[in-house]
Amino acid sequence: MSRAMYAAIDCGTNSTRLLISDGVNQVERLMRVTRLGAGVDQSSRLDPEAIERTLSVLREYRSVMDQAGVVSLRAAATSACRDATNRADFMDAATQILGQTPELLTGPQEAELSFLGATSGLEDKEILTLVVDIGGGSTEFALGRTEVEQSISVDVGCVRMTEKFLAHDPPLPEELSNCLSVIEQHLDDVAREVPQAGNAARFIGLAGTVTNVAAVELGLKEYTPEAIHGFVLTKEAVEDVFRTLATEAVADRMHNPGLEAQRADVIVGGCCVLVEIFRYFGFEECLVSESDILDGLILSQIA
């Protein structure tokens, strides 16, 4: 007897992703860089070309889901759509493609789903764990053991930081300094709302910035999820990768083994977020996870 197929779609600021699972096994996991949130921080509007890029990928995903026989879908929109005054332009068109309107998640909802996905496969769930999801427009912090006890979403992410602060290629030292200083101010908010964050015994990092930094540290010629998932990324390694990437122009940076070429223009902004989290909270290592909000969206349909 075949298992029912579930699907999850994450329409993020930088990428649009799909996960299809039967609840036990991952059947398909796809990621396309669509940059839906390009320019949103400055204009508070979704760019028509960005909308169309994302809709094109949703059409592709609709076909993949149909072929897989998906019986249940949960689609979500996050930071870019939260910030955009014209999000209905995207939501209405996405509804026509998917047959349902993507849920506009709040920051706390996003944090909770990320925590659910990241911790679902862990053996020891009694350890105080901080899950950090560094996205394109926002970063979610969720602290807990078997469930989220404290959480917050702050407006720092790889696309937002790049657009606001890193104007030169490669970034100027003063641009990097300004970017790190602003992130530190946002982390003051995290420390206030999630006061036990620095006491977490386990720090789990999610999403493209973290996985790409891990891949660069490993020097992967081809991105291999099995090599990334569960990799322990040290503070020293993160600082080293940051120094390397931040001093290279995009044209040179994209040739680093492990770095996705489409992420080369925003990875330094993401690194600024990751580095500052390590520095601010005094973490020495981060457990890298390939299980994230997509897995949380799947699990939420099965429970």
C-alpha atoms as a PDB file:
ATOM      1  CA  MET A   1       0.000   0.000   0.000  1.00  0.00           C
ATOM      2  CA  SER A   2       1.507   3.310  -1.085  1.00  0.00           C
ATOM      3  CA  ARG A   3       1.841   6.193   1.351  1.00  0.00           C
ATOM      4  CA  ALA A   4       0.114   9.539   0.880  1.00  0.00           C
ATOM      5  CA  MET A   5       2.325  12.314  -0.503  1.00  0.00           C
ATOM      6  CA  TYR A   6       2.619  15.646   1.277  1.00  0.00           C
ATOM      7  CA  ALA A   7       4.168  18.831  -0.075  1.00  0.00           C
ATOM      8  CA  ALA A   8       5.501  22.057   1.381  1.00  0.00           C
ATOM      9  CA  ILE A   9       6.489  25.236  -0.443  1.00  0.00           C
ATOM     10  CA  ASP A  10       8.452  28.115   1.058  1.00  0.00           C
ATOM     11  CA  CYS A  11       8.247  31.385  -0.908  1.00  0.00           C
ATOM     12  CA  GLY A  12      11.172  33.170   0.691  1.00  0.00           C
ATOM     13  CA  THR A  13      12.938  36.461   0.092  1.00  0.00           C
ATOM     14  CA  ASN A  14      15.862  34.839  -1.715  1.00  0.00           C
ATOM     15  CA  SER A  15      14.648  31.420  -2.827  1.00  0.00           C
ATOM     16  CA  THR A  16      11.523  29.408  -3.534  1.00  0.00           C
ATOM     17  CA  ARG A  17      11.697  25.824  -2.289  1.00  0.00           C
ATOM     18  CA  LEU A  18       9.661  22.625  -2.493  1.00  0.00           C
ATOM     19  CA  LEU A  19       9.674  19.488  -0.359  1.00  0.00           C
ATOM     20  CA  ILE A  20       7.630  16.389  -1.164  1.00  0.00           C
ATOM     21  CA  SER A  21       7.535  13.636   1.446  1.00  0.00           C
ATOM     22  CA  ASP A  22       5.468  10.617   2.350  1.00  0.00           C
ATOM     23  CA  GLY A  23       5.876  11.546   5.984  1.00  0.00           C
ATOM     24  CA  VAL A  24       8.838   9.228   6.423  1.00  0.00           C
ATOM     25  CA  ASN A  25      10.964   9.552   3.316  1.00  0.00           C
ATOM     26  CA  GLN A  26      11.912  12.634   1.345  1.00  0.00           C
ATOM     27  CA  VAL A  27      10.772  12.157  -2.246  1.00  0.00           C
ATOM     28  CA  GLU A  28      11.812  15.484  -3.764  1.00  0.00           C
ATOM     29  CA  ARG A  29      13.571  18.617  -2.492  1.00  0.00           C
ATOM     30  CA  LEU A  30      14.021  21.500  -4.903  1.00  0.00           C
ATOM     31  CA  MET A  31      15.401  25.029  -4.549  1.00  0.00           C
ATOM     32  CA  ARG A  32      15.389  27.884  -7.048  1.00  0.00           C
ATOM     33  CA  VAL A  33      16.862  31.327  -6.363  1.00  0.00           C
ATOM     34  CA  THR A  34      14.035  33.677  -7.375  1.00  0.00           C
ATOM     35  CA  ARG A  35      14.915  36.740  -5.250  1.00  0.00           C
ATOM     36  CA  LEU A  36      11.241  37.598  -4.611  1.00  0.00           C
ATOM     37  CA  GLY A  37      12.345  40.176  -2.040  1.00  0.00           C
ATOM     38  CA  ALA A  38      14.701  42.106  -4.343  1.00  0.00           C
ATOM     39  CA  GLY A  39      14.379  45.809  -3.497  1.00  0.00           C
ATOM     40  CA  VAL A  40      11.547  45.312  -1.006  1.00  0.00           C
ATOM     41  CA  ASP A  41      13.480  46.799   1.912  1.00  0.00           C
ATOM     42  CA  GLN A  42      13.806  50.102   0.046  1.00  0.00           C
ATOM     43  CA  SER A  43      10.533  50.248  -1.899  1.00  0.00           C
ATOM     44  CA  SER A  44       8.170  48.168   0.296  1.00  0.00           C
ATOM     45  CA  ARG A  45       6.933  46.637  -2.959  1.00  0.00           C
ATOM     46  CA  LEU A  46       7.483  43.360  -4.788  1.00  0.00           C
ATOM     47  CA  ASP A  47       9.087  43.951  -8.172  1.00  0.00           C
ATOM     48  CA  PRO A  48       6.954  42.635 -11.097  1.00  0.00           C
ATOM     49  CA  GLU A  49       9.930  40.744 -12.534  1.00  0.00           C
ATOM     50  CA  ALA A  50      10.620  39.138  -9.155  1.00  0.00           C
ATOM     51  CA  ILE A  51       6.971  38.118  -8.918  1.00  0.00           C
ATOM     52  CA  GLU A  52       7.103  36.522 -12.360  1.00  0.00           C
ATOM     53  CA  ARG A  53      10.355  34.673 -11.568  1.00  0.00           C
ATOM     54  CA  THR A  54       8.710  33.181  -8.512  1.00  0.00           C
ATOM     55  CA  LEU A  55       5.450  32.345 -10.272  1.00  0.00           C
ATOM     56  CA  SER A  56       7.398  30.568 -13.006  1.00  0.00           C
ATOM     57  CA  VAL A  57       8.987  28.324 -10.372  1.00  0.00           C
ATOM     58  CA  LEU A  58       5.602  27.710  -8.738  1.00  0.00           C
ATOM     59  CA  ARG A  59       4.310  26.492 -12.107  1.00  0.00           C
ATOM     60  CA  GLU A  60       7.255  24.092 -12.256  1.00  0.00           C
ATOM     61  CA  TYR A  61       6.522  22.914  -8.708  1.00  0.00           C
ATOM     62  CA  ARG A  62       2.828  22.462  -9.493  1.00  0.00           C
ATOM     63  CA  SER A  63       3.809  20.056 -12.275  1.00  0.00           C
ATOM     64  CA  VAL A  64       6.225  18.163 -10.008  1.00  0.00           C
ATOM     65  CA  MET A  65       3.539  17.839  -7.318  1.00  0.00           C
ATOM     66  CA  ASP A  66       0.979  16.601  -9.833  1.00  0.00           C
ATOM     67  CA  GLN A  67       3.374  13.946 -11.106  1.00  0.00           C
ATOM     68  CA  ALA A  68       4.138  12.832  -7.539  1.00  0.00           C
ATOM     69  CA  GLY A  69       0.444  12.531  -6.657  1.00  0.00           C
ATOM     70  CA  VAL A  70       0.547  15.011  -3.792  1.00  0.00           C
ATOM     71  CA  VAL A  71      -2.644  14.894  -1.714  1.00  0.00           C
ATOM     72  CA  SER A  72      -1.897  17.716   0.715  1.00  0.00           C
ATOM     73  CA  LEU A  73       0.031  20.978   0.349  1.00  0.00           C
ATOM     74  CA  ARG A  74       1.005  23.696   2.775  1.00  0.00           C
ATOM     75  CA  ALA A  75       2.547  26.727   1.068  1.00  0.00           C
ATOM     76  CA  ALA A  76       3.977  29.677   2.984  1.00  0.00           C
ATOM     77  CA  ALA A  77       5.187  33.201   2.260  1.00  0.00           C
ATOM     78  CA  THR A  78       7.549  34.954   4.639  1.00  0.00           C
ATOM     79  CA  SER A  79       9.562  38.160   5.079  1.00  0.00           C
ATOM     80  CA  ALA A  80       9.341  39.669   1.578  1.00  0.00           C
ATOM     81  CA  CYS A  81       5.566  39.339   1.468  1.00  0.00           C
ATOM     82  CA  ARG A  82       5.200  40.532   5.060  1.00  0.00           C
ATOM     83  CA  ASP A  83       6.983  43.759   4.107  1.00  0.00           C
ATOM     84  CA  ALA A  84       5.380  44.365   0.685  1.00  0.00           C
ATOM     85  CA  THR A  85       2.348  46.604   0.298  1.00  0.00           C
ATOM     86  CA  ASN A  86       1.493  44.928  -3.026  1.00  0.00           C
ATOM     87  CA  ARG A  87       1.798  41.336  -1.825  1.00  0.00           C
ATOM     88  CA  ALA A  88      -1.692  40.629  -3.186  1.00  0.00           C
ATOM     89  CA  ASP A  89      -0.215  40.873  -6.703  1.00  0.00           C
ATOM     90  CA  PHE A  90       1.847  37.804  -5.897  1.00  0.00           C
ATOM     91  CA  MET A  91      -0.602  36.009  -3.615  1.00  0.00           C
ATOM     92  CA  ASP A  92      -3.514  36.168  -6.060  1.00  0.00           C
ATOM     93  CA  ALA A  93      -1.438  34.799  -8.935  1.00  0.00           C
ATOM     94  CA  ALA A  94       0.120  32.108  -6.723  1.00  0.00           C
ATOM     95  CA  THR A  95      -3.370  31.034  -5.653  1.00  0.00           C
ATOM     96  CA  GLN A  96      -4.335  30.432  -9.275  1.00  0.00           C
ATOM     97  CA  ILE A  97      -1.295  28.183  -9.765  1.00  0.00           C
ATOM     98  CA  LEU A  98      -1.349  26.265  -6.491  1.00  0.00           C
ATOM     99  CA  GLY A  99      -5.087  26.050  -5.921  1.00  0.00           C
ATOM    100  CA  GLN A 100      -4.699  27.647  -2.505  1.00  0.00           C
ATOM    101  CA  THR A 101      -3.397  30.924  -1.155  1.00  0.00           C
ATOM    102  CA  PRO A 102       0.069  30.726   0.434  1.00  0.00           C
ATOM    103  CA  GLU A 103      -0.093  31.404   4.160  1.00  0.00           C
ATOM    104  CA  LEU A 104       1.502  34.698   5.179  1.00  0.00           C
ATOM    105  CA  LEU A 105       3.434  33.499   8.198  1.00  0.00           C
ATOM    106  CA  THR A 106       4.224  35.778  11.098  1.00  0.00           C
ATOM    107  CA  GLY A 107       7.779  35.800  12.414  1.00  0.00           C
ATOM    108  CA  PRO A 108       6.871  33.641  15.458  1.00  0.00           C
ATOM    109  CA  GLN A 109       5.034  31.139  13.227  1.00  0.00           C
ATOM    110  CA  GLU A 110       8.069  30.919  10.969  1.00  0.00           C
ATOM    111  CA  ALA A 111      10.336  30.389  13.986  1.00  0.00           C
ATOM    112  CA  GLU A 112       8.117  27.632  15.383  1.00  0.00           C
ATOM    113  CA  LEU A 113       7.957  25.730  12.087  1.00  0.00           C
ATOM    114  CA  SER A 114      11.723  26.009  11.661  1.00  0.00           C
ATOM    115  CA  PHE A 115      12.238  24.658  15.180  1.00  0.00           C
ATOM    116  CA  LEU A 116       9.829  21.781  14.512  1.00  0.00           C
ATOM    117  CA  GLY A 117      11.659  20.834  11.325  1.00  0.00           C
ATOM    118  CA  ALA A 118      15.169  21.188  12.723  1.00  0.00           C
ATOM    119  CA  THR A 119      14.586  19.226  15.914  1.00  0.00           C
ATOM    120  CA  SER A 120      12.308  16.469  14.604  1.00  0.00           C
ATOM    121  CA  GLY A 121      15.142  14.036  13.880  1.00  0.00           C
ATOM    122  CA  LEU A 122      17.212  14.701  16.984  1.00  0.00           C
ATOM    123  CA  GLU A 123      17.639  11.903  19.506  1.00  0.00           C
ATOM    124  CA  ASP A 124      18.141  14.057  22.614  1.00  0.00           C
ATOM    125  CA  LYS A 125      15.288  16.557  22.720  1.00  0.00           C
ATOM    126  CA  GLU A 126      15.789  17.548  26.344  1.00  0.00           C
ATOM    127  CA  ILE A 127      18.829  19.693  25.530  1.00  0.00           C
ATOM    128  CA  LEU A 128      18.142  23.434  25.523  1.00  0.00           C
ATOM    129  CA  THR A 129      18.404  24.227  21.819  1.00  0.00           C
ATOM    130  CA  LEU A 130      18.560  27.474  19.871  1.00  0.00           C
ATOM    131  CA  VAL A 131      17.448  27.148  16.259  1.00  0.00           C
ATOM    132  CA  VAL A 132      18.442  30.024  13.991  1.00  0.00           C
ATOM    133  CA  ASP A 133      17.053  30.336  10.467  1.00  0.00           C
ATOM    134  CA  ILE A 134      18.983  32.980   8.481  1.00  0.00           C
ATOM    135  CA  GLY A 135      16.787  33.941   5.561  1.00  0.00           C
ATOM    136  CA  GLY A 136      16.938  36.540   2.843  1.00  0.00           C
ATOM    137  CA  GLY A 137      14.953  39.223   4.638  1.00  0.00           C
ATOM    138  CA  SER A 138      14.678  38.061   8.240  1.00  0.00           C
ATOM    139  CA  THR A 139      16.276  35.731  10.755  1.00  0.00           C
ATOM    140  CA  GLU A 140      14.244  33.653  13.182  1.00  0.00           C
ATOM    141  CA  PHE A 141      15.436  32.567  16.629  1.00  0.00           C
ATOM    142  CA  ALA A 142      13.571  29.789  18.452  1.00  0.00           C
ATOM    143  CA  LEU A 143      14.655  28.414  21.821  1.00  0.00           C
ATOM    144  CA  GLY A 144      13.300  25.337  23.509  1.00  0.00           C
ATOM    145  CA  ARG A 145      13.596  21.665  24.232  1.00  0.00           C
ATOM    146  CA  THR A 146      10.661  19.543  23.046  1.00  0.00           C
ATOM    147  CA  GLU A 147       8.825  22.683  21.908  1.00  0.00           C
ATOM    148  CA  VAL A 148       9.463  26.395  21.431  1.00  0.00           C
ATOM    149  CA  GLU A 149       9.650  28.298  24.708  1.00  0.00           C
ATOM    150  CA  GLN A 150      10.838  31.682  23.390  1.00  0.00           C
ATOM    151  CA  SER A 151      11.160  33.075  19.872  1.00  0.00           C
ATOM    152  CA  ILE A 152      11.681  36.233  17.852  1.00  0.00           C
ATOM    153  CA  SER A 153      12.066  37.259  14.209  1.00  0.00           C
ATOM    154  CA  VAL A 154      14.365  40.167  13.365  1.00  0.00           C
ATOM    155  CA  ASP A 155      14.771  42.028  10.079  1.00  0.00           C
ATOM    156  CA  VAL A 156      18.269  40.909   9.155  1.00  0.00           C
ATOM    157  CA  GLY A 157      18.982  38.550   6.264  1.00  0.00           C
ATOM    158  CA  CYS A 158      21.410  37.980   3.425  1.00  0.00           C
ATOM    159  CA  VAL A 159      19.471  39.988   0.814  1.00  0.00           C
ATOM    160  CA  ARG A 160      18.386  42.796   3.137  1.00  0.00           C
ATOM    161  CA  MET A 161      21.904  43.301   4.566  1.00  0.00           C
ATOM    162  CA  THR A 162      23.499  43.223   1.119  1.00  0.00           C
ATOM    163  CA  GLU A 163      21.100  45.755  -0.379  1.00  0.00           C
ATOM    164  CA  LYS A 164      21.299  48.121   2.595  1.00  0.00           C
ATOM    165  CA  PHE A 165      24.998  48.079   3.438  1.00  0.00           C
ATOM    166  CA  LEU A 166      27.262  46.267   0.965  1.00  0.00           C
ATOM    167  CA  ALA A 167      27.304  48.550  -2.066  1.00  0.00           C
ATOM    168  CA  HIS A 168      30.815  47.840  -3.332  1.00  0.00           C
ATOM    169  CA  ASP A 169      32.298  44.701  -4.865  1.00  0.00           C
ATOM    170  CA  PRO A 170      34.020  43.509  -2.759  1.00  0.00           C
ATOM    171  CA  PRO A 171      32.484  45.339   0.218  1.00  0.00           C
ATOM    172  CA  LEU A 172      34.509  48.124   1.792  1.00  0.00           C
ATOM    173  CA  PRO A 173      35.725  47.556   5.377  1.00  0.00           C
ATOM    174  CA  GLU A 174      33.495  50.366   6.647  1.00  0.00           C
ATOM    175  CA  GLU A 175      30.467  48.784   4.915  1.00  0.00           C
ATOM    176  CA  LEU A 176      31.135  45.481   6.660  1.00  0.00           C
ATOM    177  CA  SER A 177      31.613  47.286   9.967  1.00  0.00           C
ATOM    178  CA  ASN A 178      28.330  49.176   9.603  1.00  0.00           C
ATOM    179  CA  CYS A 179      26.508  45.978   8.644  1.00  0.00           C
ATOM    180  CA  LEU A 180      27.856  44.093  11.661  1.00  0.00           C
ATOM    181  CA  SER A 181      26.982  46.991  13.982  1.00  0.00           C
ATOM    182  CA  VAL A 182      23.357  47.070  12.822  1.00  0.00           C
ATOM    183  CA  ILE A 183      23.056  43.303  13.208  1.00  0.00           C
ATOM    184  CA  GLU A 184      24.432  43.626  16.741  1.00  0.00           C
ATOM    185  CA  GLN A 185      21.655  46.096  17.551  1.00  0.00           C
ATOM    186  CA  HIS A 186      19.062  43.592  16.337  1.00  0.00           C
ATOM    187  CA  LEU A 187      20.685  40.908  18.475  1.00  0.00           C
ATOM    188  CA  ASP A 188      20.100  43.165  21.483  1.00  0.00           C
ATOM    189  CA  ASP A 189      16.396  42.635  20.726  1.00  0.00           C
ATOM    190  CA  VAL A 190      16.968  38.869  20.557  1.00  0.00           C
ATOM    191  CA  ALA A 191      18.730  38.901  23.923  1.00  0.00           C
ATOM    192  CA  ARG A 192      15.801  40.805  25.442  1.00  0.00           C
ATOM    193  CA  GLU A 193      13.055  38.582  23.987  1.00  0.00           C
ATOM    194  CA  VAL A 194      14.970  35.281  24.185  1.00  0.00           C
ATOM    195  CA  PRO A 195      17.039  35.885  27.340  1.00  0.00           C
ATOM    196  CA  GLN A 196      18.295  32.300  27.564  1.00  0.00           C
ATOM    197  CA  ALA A 197      19.589  32.245  23.970  1.00  0.00           C
ATOM    198  CA  GLY A 198      23.225  32.524  25.018  1.00  0.00           C
ATOM    199  CA  ASN A 199      22.769  29.650  27.465  1.00  0.00           C
ATOM    200  CA  ALA A 200      21.648  27.181  24.809  1.00  0.00           C
ATOM    201  CA  ALA A 201      23.623  23.948  24.954  1.00  0.00           C
ATOM    202  CA  ARG A 202      22.972  23.351  21.257  1.00  0.00           C
ATOM    203  CA  PHE A 203      22.960  25.936  18.454  1.00  0.00           C
ATOM    204  CA  ILE A 204      21.433  24.722  15.188  1.00  0.00           C
ATOM    205  CA  GLY A 205      21.815  26.771  12.023  1.00  0.00           C
ATOM    206  CA  LEU A 206      19.437  26.539   9.070  1.00  0.00           C
ATOM    207  CA  ALA A 207      19.077  27.764   5.493  1.00  0.00           C
ATOM    208  CA  GLY A 208      21.322  28.735   2.612  1.00  0.00           C
ATOM    209  CA  THR A 209      23.836  30.974   4.353  1.00  0.00           C
ATOM    210  CA  VAL A 210      24.677  28.342   6.953  1.00  0.00           C
ATOM    211  CA  THR A 211      24.708  25.387   4.566  1.00  0.00           C
ATOM    212  CA  ASN A 212      26.814  27.254   1.999  1.00  0.00           C
ATOM    213  CA  VAL A 213      29.372  28.337   4.597  1.00  0.00           C
ATOM    214  CA  ALA A 214      29.582  24.687   5.678  1.00  0.00           C
ATOM    215  CA  ALA A 215      29.976  23.568   2.056  1.00  0.00           C
ATOM    216  CA  VAL A 216      32.777  26.097   1.495  1.00  0.00           C
ATOM    217  CA  GLU A 217      34.506  24.969   4.680  1.00  0.00           C
ATOM    218  CA  LEU A 218      34.262  21.368   3.454  1.00  0.00           C
ATOM    219  CA  GLY A 219      35.402  22.383  -0.040  1.00  0.00           C
ATOM    220  CA  LEU A 220      32.620  20.403  -1.700  1.00  0.00           C
ATOM    221  CA  LYS A 221      32.941  20.303  -5.485  1.00  0.00           C
ATOM    222  CA  GLU A 222      29.267  19.354  -5.661  1.00  0.00           C
ATOM    223  CA  TYR A 223      26.689  20.264  -3.037  1.00  0.00           C
ATOM    224  CA  THR A 224      25.934  17.103  -1.058  1.00  0.00           C
ATOM    225  CA  PRO A 225      23.152  17.352   1.563  1.00  0.00           C
ATOM    226  CA  GLU A 226      24.361  14.184   3.270  1.00  0.00           C
ATOM    227  CA  ALA A 227      27.764  15.809   3.904  1.00  0.00           C
ATOM    228  CA  ILE A 228      26.181  19.038   5.173  1.00  0.00           C
ATOM    229  CA  HIS A 229      23.472  17.683   7.481  1.00  0.00           C
ATOM    230  CA  GLY A 230      24.911  17.207  10.948  1.00  0.00           C
ATOM    231  CA  PHE A 231      28.216  18.916  10.146  1.00  0.00           C
ATOM    232  CA  VAL A 232      29.641  20.869  13.078  1.00  0.00           C
ATOM    233  CA  LEU A 233      30.659  24.350  11.966  1.00  0.00           C
ATOM    234  CA  THR A 234      33.106  26.000  14.373  1.00  0.00           C
ATOM    235  CA  LYS A 235      33.396  29.705  15.111  1.00  0.00           C
ATOM    236  CA  GLU A 236      36.955  29.630  13.784  1.00  0.00           C
ATOM    237  CA  ALA A 237      35.795  28.119  10.487  1.00  0.00           C
ATOM    238  CA  VAL A 238      32.980  30.664  10.104  1.00  0.00           C
ATOM    239  CA  GLU A 239      35.369  33.559  10.699  1.00  0.00           C
ATOM    240  CA  ASP A 240      37.809  32.087   8.168  1.00  0.00           C
ATOM    241  CA  VAL A 241      35.171  31.621   5.462  1.00  0.00           C
ATOM    242  CA  PHE A 242      33.849  35.126   6.153  1.00  0.00           C
ATOM    243  CA  ARG A 243      37.307  36.685   5.719  1.00  0.00           C
ATOM    244  CA  THR A 244      37.812  34.808   2.462  1.00  0.00           C
ATOM    245  CA  LEU A 245      34.449  35.620   0.887  1.00  0.00           C
ATOM    246  CA  ALA A 246      34.291  39.234   2.085  1.00  0.00           C
ATOM    247  CA  THR A 247      37.593  40.138   0.435  1.00  0.00           C
ATOM    248  CA  GLU A 248      36.753  38.655  -2.961  1.00  0.00           C
ATOM    249  CA  ALA A 249      34.753  40.197  -5.804  1.00  0.00           C
ATOM    250  CA  VAL A 250      31.613  38.291  -6.798  1.00  0.00           C
ATOM    251  CA  ALA A 251      33.267  37.046 -10.007  1.00  0.00           C
ATOM    252  CA  ASP A 252      36.027  35.408  -7.957  1.00  0.00           C
ATOM    253  CA  ARG A 253      33.872  34.461  -4.980  1.00  0.00           C
ATOM    254  CA  MET A 254      31.573  32.228  -7.001  1.00  0.00           C
ATOM    255  CA  HIS A 255      34.471  29.896  -7.792  1.00  0.00           C
ATOM    256  CA  ASN A 256      34.876  28.817  -4.166  1.00  0.00           C
ATOM    257  CA  PRO A 257      34.093  25.083  -4.014  1.00  0.00           C
ATOM    258  CA  GLY A 258      30.804  24.575  -2.199  1.00  0.00           C
ATOM    259  CA  LEU A 259      29.337  28.018  -2.854  1.00  0.00           C
ATOM    260  CA  GLU A 260      26.198  28.148  -5.001  1.00  0.00           C
ATOM    261  CA  ALA A 261      26.951  30.603  -7.814  1.00  0.00           C
ATOM    262  CA  GLN A 262      23.509  32.215  -7.525  1.00  0.00           C
ATOM    263  CA  ARG A 263      24.176  32.991  -3.873  1.00  0.00           C
ATOM    264  CA  ALA A 264      27.588  34.585  -4.417  1.00  0.00           C
ATOM    265  CA  ASP A 265      26.257  38.158  -4.486  1.00  0.00           C
ATOM    266  CA  VAL A 266      24.466  37.901  -1.122  1.00  0.00           C
ATOM    267  CA  ILE A 267      26.535  35.373   0.837  1.00  0.00           C
ATOM    268  CA  VAL A 268      28.687  38.030   2.523  1.00  0.00           C
ATOM    269  CA  GLY A 269      25.558  39.733   3.893  1.00  0.00           C
ATOM    270  CA  GLY A 270      24.461  36.364   5.259  1.00  0.00           C
ATOM    271  CA  CYS A 271      27.922  35.716   6.678  1.00  0.00           C
ATOM    272  CA  CYS A 272      27.716  39.002   8.554  1.00  0.00           C
ATOM    273  CA  VAL A 273      24.586  37.714  10.303  1.00  0.00           C
ATOM    274  CA  LEU A 274      26.100  34.323  11.099  1.00  0.00           C
ATOM    275  CA  VAL A 275      29.431  35.740  12.314  1.00  0.00           C
ATOM    276  CA  GLU A 276      27.743  38.299  14.539  1.00  0.00           C
ATOM    277  CA  ILE A 277      25.534  35.614  16.138  1.00  0.00           C
ATOM    278  CA  PHE A 278      28.638  33.611  17.044  1.00  0.00           C
ATOM    279  CA  ARG A 279      30.377  36.699  18.439  1.00  0.00           C
ATOM    280  CA  TYR A 280      27.395  38.131  20.300  1.00  0.00           C
ATOM    281  CA  PHE A 281      26.298  34.960  22.091  1.00  0.00           C
ATOM    282  CA  GLY A 282      29.757  33.437  22.485  1.00  0.00           C
ATOM    283  CA  PHE A 283      28.972  30.200  20.649  1.00  0.00           C
ATOM    284  CA  GLU A 284      31.932  28.029  19.671  1.00  0.00           C
ATOM    285  CA  GLU A 285      30.101  25.742  17.258  1.00  0.00           C
ATOM    286  CA  CYS A 286      26.929  25.328  15.239  1.00  0.00           C
ATOM    287  CA  LEU A 287      25.192  22.120  14.213  1.00  0.00           C
ATOM    288  CA  VAL A 288      24.236  22.496  10.543  1.00  0.00           C
ATOM    289  CA  SER A 289      20.828  21.125   9.590  1.00  0.00           C
ATOM    290  CA  GLU A 290      19.229  20.406   6.236  1.00  0.00           C
ATOM    291  CA  SER A 291      15.900  19.917   8.043  1.00  0.00           C
ATOM    292  CA  ASP A 292      14.154  23.258   8.279  1.00  0.00           C
ATOM    293  CA  ILE A 293      10.864  25.085   7.831  1.00  0.00           C
ATOM    294  CA  LEU A 294       9.912  22.854   4.888  1.00  0.00           C
ATOM    295  CA  ASP A 295      10.123  19.802   7.139  1.00  0.00           C
ATOM    296  CA  GLY A 296       8.111  21.673   9.739  1.00  0.00           C
ATOM    297  CA  LEU A 297       5.426  22.434   7.181  1.00  0.00           C
ATOM    298  CA  ILE A 298       5.258  18.749   6.232  1.00  0.00           C
ATOM    299  CA  LEU A 299       5.092  17.560   9.846  1.00  0.00           C
ATOM    300  CA  SER A 300       2.345  20.070  10.630  1.00  0.00           C
ATOM    301  CA  GLN A 301       0.131  18.370   8.031  1.00  0.00           C
ATOM    302  CA  ILE A 302       0.701  14.887   9.385  1.00  0.00           C
ATOM    303  CA  ALA A 303       0.318  15.548  13.107  1.00  0.00           C
END
